[in-house]
């Protein structure tokens, strides 16, 4: 029984470490994407809040069409 508990703990620890790595990769990817979006917004002369509102509107529209 103790061996099974030890195996379960090792598997859980390995899974938690994999999840932590995946979350870290996702965080870095989102950070890079946000930085690229801010650079794009600066180049176009339109503020980042306008772009954020535009993307929110598009997402809302797709969700509305999908749900109704």
PDB file of N, CA and C in Angstrom:
ATOM      1  N   UNK A   1       0.823  -1.190   0.000  1.00  0.00           N
ATOM      2  CA  UNK A   1       0.000   0.000   0.000  1.00  0.00           C
ATOM      3  C   UNK A   1       0.877   1.268   0.000  1.00  0.00           C
ATOM      4  N   UNK A   2       1.955   1.241   0.791  1.00  0.00           N
ATOM      5  CA  UNK A   2       2.831   2.414   0.834  1.00  0.00           C
ATOM      6  C   UNK A   2       3.516   2.643  -0.499  1.00  0.00           C
ATOM      7  N   UNK A   3       3.830   1.564  -1.193  1.00  0.00           N
ATOM      8  CA  UNK A   3       4.468   1.683  -2.510  1.00  0.00           C
ATOM      9  C   UNK A   3       3.504   2.348  -3.486  1.00  0.00           C
ATOM     10  N   UNK A   4       2.241   1.979  -3.428  1.00  0.00           N
ATOM     11  CA  UNK A   4       1.238   2.573  -4.314  1.00  0.00           C
ATOM     12  C   UNK A   4       1.059   4.057  -4.006  1.00  0.00           C
ATOM     13  N   UNK A   5       1.066   4.396  -2.728  1.00  0.00           N
ATOM     14  CA  UNK A   5       0.955   5.809  -2.354  1.00  0.00           C
ATOM     15  C   UNK A   5       2.166   6.583  -2.875  1.00  0.00           C
ATOM     16  N   UNK A   6       3.350   6.006  -2.740  1.00  0.00           N
ATOM     17  CA  UNK A   6       4.562   6.651  -3.252  1.00  0.00           C
ATOM     18  C   UNK A   6       4.512   6.835  -4.758  1.00  0.00           C
ATOM     19  N   UNK A   7       4.021   5.806  -5.466  1.00  0.00           N
ATOM     20  CA  UNK A   7       3.881   5.913  -6.925  1.00  0.00           C
ATOM     21  C   UNK A   7       2.903   7.022  -7.293  1.00  0.00           C
ATOM     22  N   UNK A   8       1.795   7.090  -6.577  1.00  0.00           N
ATOM     23  CA  UNK A   8       0.787   8.116  -6.859  1.00  0.00           C
ATOM     24  C   UNK A   8       1.354   9.515  -6.619  1.00  0.00           C
ATOM     25  N   UNK A   9       2.106   9.665  -5.561  1.00  0.00           N
ATOM     26  CA  UNK A   9       2.706  10.970  -5.259  1.00  0.00           C
ATOM     27  C   UNK A   9       3.714  11.357  -6.338  1.00  0.00           C
ATOM     28  N   UNK A  10       4.538  10.408  -6.785  1.00  0.00           N
ATOM     29  CA  UNK A  10       5.510  10.704  -7.851  1.00  0.00           C
ATOM     30  C   UNK A  10       4.792  11.073  -9.152  1.00  0.00           C
ATOM     31  N   UNK A  11       3.726  10.339  -9.489  1.00  0.00           N
ATOM     32  CA  UNK A  11       2.972  10.650 -10.708  1.00  0.00           C
ATOM     33  C   UNK A  11       2.324  12.027 -10.603  1.00  0.00           C
ATOM     34  N   UNK A  12       1.767  12.331  -9.436  1.00  0.00           N
ATOM     35  CA  UNK A  12       1.138  13.641  -9.242  1.00  0.00           C
ATOM     36  C   UNK A  12       2.165  14.761  -9.329  1.00  0.00           C
ATOM     37  N   UNK A  13       3.328  14.535  -8.762  1.00  0.00           N
ATOM     38  CA  UNK A  13       4.387  15.550  -8.823  1.00  0.00           C
ATOM     39  C   UNK A  13       4.851  15.769 -10.257  1.00  0.00           C
ATOM     40  N   UNK A  14       4.985  14.687 -11.008  1.00  0.00           N
ATOM     41  CA  UNK A  14       5.398  14.806 -12.414  1.00  0.00           C
ATOM     42  C   UNK A  14       4.342  15.551 -13.217  1.00  0.00           C
ATOM     43  N   UNK A  15       3.065  15.239 -12.967  1.00  0.00           N
ATOM     44  CA  UNK A  15       1.981  15.924 -13.674  1.00  0.00           C
ATOM     45  C   UNK A  15       1.959  17.405 -13.322  1.00  0.00           C
ATOM     46  N   UNK A  16       2.131  17.726 -12.036  1.00  0.00           N
ATOM     47  CA  UNK A  16       2.151  19.126 -11.612  1.00  0.00           C
ATOM     48  C   UNK A  16       3.312  19.874 -12.259  1.00  0.00           C
ATOM     49  N   UNK A  17       4.456  19.232 -12.388  1.00  0.00           N
ATOM     50  CA  UNK A  17       5.610  19.874 -13.022  1.00  0.00           C
ATOM     51  C   UNK A  17       5.348  20.115 -14.510  1.00  0.00           C
ATOM     52  N   UNK A  18       4.736  19.132 -15.182  1.00  0.00           N
ATOM     53  CA  UNK A  18       4.396  19.315 -16.601  1.00  0.00           C
ATOM     54  C   UNK A  18       3.400  20.456 -16.774  1.00  0.00           C
ATOM     55  N   UNK A  19       2.400  20.512 -15.888  1.00  0.00           N
ATOM     56  CA  UNK A  19       1.415  21.588 -15.972  1.00  0.00           C
ATOM     57  C   UNK A  19       2.069  22.943 -15.734  1.00  0.00           C
ATOM     58  N   UNK A  20       2.985  23.010 -14.782  1.00  0.00           N
ATOM     59  CA  UNK A  20       3.695  24.252 -14.503  1.00  0.00           C
ATOM     60  C   UNK A  20       4.492  24.703 -15.723  1.00  0.00           C
ATOM     61  N   UNK A  21       5.169  23.769 -16.376  1.00  0.00           N
ATOM     62  CA  UNK A  21       5.923  24.101 -17.589  1.00  0.00           C
ATOM     63  C   UNK A  21       4.996  24.592 -18.697  1.00  0.00           C
ATOM     64  N   UNK A  22       3.855  23.914 -18.854  1.00  0.00           N
ATOM     65  CA  UNK A  22       2.900  24.312 -19.892  1.00  0.00           C
ATOM     66  C   UNK A  22       2.338  25.705 -19.607  1.00  0.00           C
ATOM     67  N   UNK A  23       2.017  25.986 -18.344  1.00  0.00           N
ATOM     68  CA  UNK A  23       1.501  27.310 -17.992  1.00  0.00           C
ATOM     69  C   UNK A  23       2.556  28.382 -18.223  1.00  0.00           C
ATOM     70  N   UNK A  24       3.799  28.075 -17.928  1.00  0.00           N
ATOM     71  CA  UNK A  24       4.874  29.037 -18.140  1.00  0.00           C
ATOM     72  C   UNK A  24       5.055  29.330 -19.624  1.00  0.00           C
ATOM     73  N   UNK A  25       5.021  28.288 -20.455  1.00  0.00           N
ATOM     74  CA  UNK A  25       5.121  28.485 -21.905  1.00  0.00           C
ATOM     75  C   UNK A  25       3.957  29.323 -22.416  1.00  0.00           C
ATOM     76  N   UNK A  26       2.764  29.059 -21.910  1.00  0.00           N
ATOM     77  CA  UNK A  26       1.588  29.820 -22.323  1.00  0.00           C
ATOM     78  C   UNK A  26       1.712  31.274 -21.896  1.00  0.00           C
ATOM     79  N   UNK A  27       2.196  31.501 -20.684  1.00  0.00           N
ATOM     80  CA  UNK A  27       2.382  32.867 -20.195  1.00  0.00           C
ATOM     81  C   UNK A  27       3.349  33.629 -21.094  1.00  0.00           C
ATOM     82  N   UNK A  28       4.450  32.993 -21.467  1.00  0.00           N
ATOM     83  CA  UNK A  28       5.425  33.652 -22.337  1.00  0.00           C
ATOM     84  C   UNK A  28       4.845  33.932 -23.717  1.00  0.00           C
ATOM     85  N   UNK A  29       4.076  32.979 -24.234  1.00  0.00           N
ATOM     86  CA  UNK A  29       3.465  33.171 -25.546  1.00  0.00           C
ATOM     87  C   UNK A  29       2.468  34.329 -25.520  1.00  0.00           C
ATOM     88  N   UNK A  30       1.655  34.403 -24.463  1.00  0.00           N
ATOM     89  CA  UNK A  30       0.702  35.507 -24.347  1.00  0.00           C
ATOM     90  C   UNK A  30       1.420  36.845 -24.189  1.00  0.00           C
ATOM     91  N   UNK A  31       2.519  36.846 -23.452  1.00  0.00           N
ATOM     92  CA  UNK A  31       3.288  38.079 -23.272  1.00  0.00           C
ATOM     93  C   UNK A  31       3.842  38.560 -24.607  1.00  0.00           C
ATOM     94  N   UNK A  32       4.390  37.633 -25.395  1.00  0.00           N
ATOM     95  CA  UNK A  32       4.921  38.001 -26.710  1.00  0.00           C
ATOM     96  C   UNK A  32       3.811  38.506 -27.624  1.00  0.00           C
ATOM     97  N   UNK A  33       2.664  37.833 -27.583  1.00  0.00           N
ATOM     98  CA  UNK A  33       1.535  38.243 -28.417  1.00  0.00           C
ATOM     99  C   UNK A  33       1.058  39.635 -28.032  1.00  0.00           C
ATOM    100  N   UNK A  34       0.960  39.895 -26.734  1.00  0.00           N
ATOM    101  CA  UNK A  34       0.525  41.213 -26.267  1.00  0.00           C
ATOM    102  C   UNK A  34       1.522  42.283 -26.688  1.00  0.00           C
ATOM    103  N   UNK A  35       2.810  41.990 -26.581  1.00  0.00           N
ATOM    104  CA  UNK A  35       3.823  42.964 -27.007  1.00  0.00           C
ATOM    105  C   UNK A  35       3.731  43.244 -28.498  1.00  0.00           C
ATOM    106  N   UNK A  36       3.520  42.193 -29.297  1.00  0.00           N
ATOM    107  CA  UNK A  36       3.374  42.403 -30.746  1.00  0.00           C
ATOM    108  C   UNK A  36       2.126  43.224 -31.046  1.00  0.00           C
ATOM    109  N   UNK A  37       1.034  42.979 -30.297  1.00  0.00           N
ATOM    110  CA  UNK A  37      -0.190  43.737 -30.516  1.00  0.00           C
ATOM    111  C   UNK A  37       0.022  45.208 -30.163  1.00  0.00           C
ATOM    112  N   UNK A  38       0.745  45.476 -29.082  1.00  0.00           N
ATOM    113  CA  UNK A  38       1.014  46.862 -28.701  1.00  0.00           C
ATOM    114  C   UNK A  38       1.876  47.567 -29.740  1.00  0.00           C
ATOM    115  N   UNK A  39       2.868  46.864 -30.288  1.00  0.00           N
ATOM    116  CA  UNK A  39       3.702  47.444 -31.347  1.00  0.00           C
ATOM    117  C   UNK A  39       2.856  47.735 -32.582  1.00  0.00           C
ATOM    118  N   UNK A  40       1.973  46.799 -32.945  1.00  0.00           N
ATOM    119  CA  UNK A  40       1.089  47.005 -34.090  1.00  0.00           C
ATOM    120  C   UNK A  40       0.189  48.215 -33.861  1.00  0.00           C
ATOM    121  N   UNK A  41      -0.343  48.351 -32.647  1.00  0.00           N
ATOM    122  CA  UNK A  41      -1.223  49.474 -32.340  1.00  0.00           C
ATOM    123  C   UNK A  41      -0.470  50.797 -32.428  1.00  0.00           C
ATOM    124  N   UNK A  42       0.773  50.818 -31.969  1.00  0.00           N
ATOM    125  CA  UNK A  42       1.566  52.044 -32.060  1.00  0.00           C
ATOM    126  C   UNK A  42       1.842  52.419 -33.508  1.00  0.00           C
ATOM    127  N   UNK A  43       2.105  51.435 -34.344  1.00  0.00           N
ATOM    128  CA  UNK A  43       2.415  51.715 -35.755  1.00  0.00           C
ATOM    129  C   UNK A  43       1.206  52.246 -36.503  1.00  0.00           C
ATOM    130  N   UNK A  44       0.013  51.781 -36.150  1.00  0.00           N
ATOM    131  CA  UNK A  44      -1.183  52.224 -36.862  1.00  0.00           C
ATOM    132  C   UNK A  44      -1.695  53.553 -36.351  1.00  0.00           C
ATOM    133  N   UNK A  45      -1.234  53.973 -35.180  1.00  0.00           N
ATOM    134  CA  UNK A  45      -1.696  55.231 -34.622  1.00  0.00           C
ATOM    135  C   UNK A  45      -2.992  55.083 -33.841  1.00  0.00           C
ATOM    136  N   UNK A  46      -3.502  53.875 -33.736  1.00  0.00           N
ATOM    137  CA  UNK A  46      -4.724  53.614 -32.982  1.00  0.00           C
ATOM    138  C   UNK A  46      -4.310  53.060 -31.629  1.00  0.00           C
ATOM    139  N   UNK A  47      -4.935  53.540 -30.575  1.00  0.00           N
ATOM    140  CA  UNK A  47      -4.571  53.107 -29.227  1.00  0.00           C
ATOM    141  C   UNK A  47      -4.886  51.637 -28.973  1.00  0.00           C
ATOM    142  N   UNK A  48      -4.196  51.077 -27.981  1.00  0.00           N
ATOM    143  CA  UNK A  48      -4.382  49.658 -27.676  1.00  0.00           C
ATOM    144  C   UNK A  48      -5.766  49.406 -27.109  1.00  0.00           C
ATOM    145  N   UNK A  49      -6.371  50.401 -26.475  1.00  0.00           N
ATOM    146  CA  UNK A  49      -7.721  50.208 -25.934  1.00  0.00           C
ATOM    147  C   UNK A  49      -8.743  50.039 -27.057  1.00  0.00           C
ATOM    148  N   UNK A  50      -8.532  50.745 -28.143  1.00  0.00           N
ATOM    149  CA  UNK A  50      -9.431  50.607 -29.292  1.00  0.00           C
ATOM    150  C   UNK A  50      -9.308  49.209 -29.881  1.00  0.00           C
ATOM    151  N   UNK A  51      -8.065  48.717 -30.023  1.00  0.00           N
ATOM    152  CA  UNK A  51      -7.871  47.357 -30.537  1.00  0.00           C
ATOM    153  C   UNK A  51      -8.474  46.329 -29.597  1.00  0.00           C
ATOM    154  N   UNK A  52      -8.292  46.525 -28.299  1.00  0.00           N
ATOM    155  CA  UNK A  52      -8.860  45.600 -27.318  1.00  0.00           C
ATOM    156  C   UNK A  52     -10.381  45.593 -27.412  1.00  0.00           C
ATOM    157  N   UNK A  53     -10.967  46.767 -27.560  1.00  0.00           N
ATOM    158  CA  UNK A  53     -12.419  46.851 -27.729  1.00  0.00           C
ATOM    159  C   UNK A  53     -12.874  46.173 -29.008  1.00  0.00           C
ATOM    160  N   UNK A  54     -12.109  46.358 -30.080  1.00  0.00           N
ATOM    161  CA  UNK A  54     -12.456  45.721 -31.348  1.00  0.00           C
ATOM    162  C   UNK A  54     -12.427  44.205 -31.230  1.00  0.00           C
ATOM    163  N   UNK A  55     -11.354  43.666 -30.636  1.00  0.00           N
ATOM    164  CA  UNK A  55     -11.261  42.213 -30.465  1.00  0.00           C
ATOM    165  C   UNK A  55     -12.355  41.694 -29.538  1.00  0.00           C
ATOM    166  N   UNK A  56     -12.679  42.460 -28.492  1.00  0.00           N
ATOM    167  CA  UNK A  56     -13.760  42.049 -27.587  1.00  0.00           C
ATOM    168  C   UNK A  56     -15.089  42.027 -28.330  1.00  0.00           C
ATOM    169  N   UNK A  57     -15.310  43.002 -29.191  1.00  0.00           N
ATOM    170  CA  UNK A  57     -16.539  43.049 -29.979  1.00  0.00           C
ATOM    171  C   UNK A  57     -16.625  41.860 -30.933  1.00  0.00           C
ATOM    172  N   UNK A  58     -15.524  41.525 -31.575  1.00  0.00           N
ATOM    173  CA  UNK A  58     -15.503  40.375 -32.484  1.00  0.00           C
ATOM    174  C   UNK A  58     -15.773  39.085 -31.721  1.00  0.00           C
ATOM    175  N   UNK A  59     -15.135  38.919 -30.564  1.00  0.00           N
ATOM    176  CA  UNK A  59     -15.356  37.715 -29.754  1.00  0.00           C
ATOM    177  C   UNK A  59     -16.808  37.649 -29.302  1.00  0.00           C
ATOM    178  N   UNK A  60     -17.352  38.780 -28.849  1.00  0.00           N
ATOM    179  CA  UNK A  60     -18.758  38.815 -28.433  1.00  0.00           C
ATOM    180  C   UNK A  60     -19.670  38.440 -29.590  1.00  0.00           C
ATOM    181  N   UNK A  61     -19.388  38.956 -30.787  1.00  0.00           N
ATOM    182  CA  UNK A  61     -20.209  38.642 -31.953  1.00  0.00           C
ATOM    183  C   UNK A  61     -20.184  37.149 -32.263  1.00  0.00           C
ATOM    184  N   UNK A  62     -18.997  36.548 -32.261  1.00  0.00           N
ATOM    185  CA  UNK A  62     -18.903  35.114 -32.542  1.00  0.00           C
ATOM    186  C   UNK A  62     -19.602  34.290 -31.470  1.00  0.00           C
ATOM    187  N   UNK A  63     -19.469  34.698 -30.211  1.00  0.00           N
ATOM    188  CA  UNK A  63     -20.159  33.968 -29.144  1.00  0.00           C
ATOM    189  C   UNK A  63     -21.670  34.097 -29.296  1.00  0.00           C
ATOM    190  N   UNK A  64     -22.147  35.284 -29.655  1.00  0.00           N
ATOM    191  CA  UNK A  64     -23.582  35.507 -29.844  1.00  0.00           C
ATOM    192  C   UNK A  64     -24.117  34.640 -30.981  1.00  0.00           C
ATOM    193  N   UNK A  65     -23.390  34.608 -32.089  1.00  0.00           N
ATOM    194  CA  UNK A  65     -23.817  33.796 -33.236  1.00  0.00           C
ATOM    195  C   UNK A  65     -23.775  32.314 -32.878  1.00  0.00           C
ATOM    196  N   UNK A  66     -22.757  31.901 -32.134  1.00  0.00           N
ATOM    197  CA  UNK A  66     -22.604  30.489 -31.778  1.00  0.00           C
ATOM    198  C   UNK A  66     -23.683  30.047 -30.802  1.00  0.00           C
ATOM    199  N   UNK A  67     -24.027  30.899 -29.841  1.00  0.00           N
ATOM    200  CA  UNK A  67     -25.004  30.511 -28.818  1.00  0.00           C
ATOM    201  C   UNK A  67     -26.446  30.650 -29.288  1.00  0.00           C
ATOM    202  N   UNK A  68     -26.728  31.626 -30.153  1.00  0.00           N
ATOM    203  CA  UNK A  68     -28.116  31.839 -30.571  1.00  0.00           C
ATOM    204  C   UNK A  68     -28.213  31.593 -32.017  1.00  0.00           C
TER     205      UNK A  68
END
